[in-house]
Amino acid sequence: MNENCGGSFGELVSVMSRLRAPGGCPWDREQTLESLRAYIVEEAYELVDAVTRGDSADIREECGDVLLQVVFIAQIASEMGLFSVEDVVRGLVEKLVRRHPHVFGDSRADTSGEVLRNWEQIKTEEKENKKKKDTSLLAGVPEGMPPLAKAYRIQGKAAHVGFDWPEGDLSPLYAKVEEEMNEIREAAEDGVPEKIEDEVGDLLFAAVNLARHLGVNPDSALGRANRKFSGRFRRVEQYVAEESRPWKEYTLEELDRLWEKAKSSPLTAD
């Protein structure tokens, strides 16, 4: 199976090289590292969506699209004399072996928590060896990462070294969320926009922390809530269309009645 995979991967690299070569595809030849940035994010989200839906055929296809972006970037980098796709694969293999000493070395890690702590320690040592200016545990979190996912990621990284709320007791986390809600109320009464935004951010950050301790990925949870709302709102739109009345003629009470009716109907988004 590994040999077949290697042959298929080599064929993919050859196809990409051909597309970028003189006489290849005009669109592919025009692309740059900068122009591919949007496609990288788009394809990653499409893969996440496929995984969320549990559609194995789509997951397989979207994995291919994500892999294409990696090969595409490596091909352009190779043409620029920066690195090759072989360098990418070799570097990944070396990293996996280096960061799993409990598998490929003499170290021991009996739990996933120990694995993660070792992983972060090894990463920190790597940064120091490379003499990077920023050796913080948070240095590897992309600046362009969506804020909700970024909050989840940086909290997880801090937790890997023990900077976290105690395990097993959620009461401080509930209290923190309630505290942030009260601070939003106070900020709203003061009416200072910057302060309100600051407190709303703190509430969201606290909610992400609570979700993490509950074993819930907040990005997935919000995605589910979005789909649920969208499904129910579409049902309300259907009711409005069936009653042949313009939206502006509905009172809030009437719309709330339609919303409750939509909530009582089974939706695929639930």
Foldseek 3Di string as FASTA:
>chain_A
DVVVVVVVVVVLLVLLLQLCDVVHPPVLVPDDPVNCPVVLVVLVVQLVVCVLVVPVVSNVVSVVSNVNSLSSHQSRCVVVVNHHVVVVVVVVVVLVLQLPCCVNNDDNDDDVLSSLLSNLVSQLVVCVVVVPPDSDSLVPQDPPPPPLQSLLVVQVSCVSVPNADDAPDCVVLVVQLVVLVVQLVVCVVVVDVVSNVVSVVSNSSSVCNSCVSVVHRVVSVVVLVVLVVVQLVVQLVVVCVVVVDDPVVDDPVRSVVSSVVSVVDDDPSD
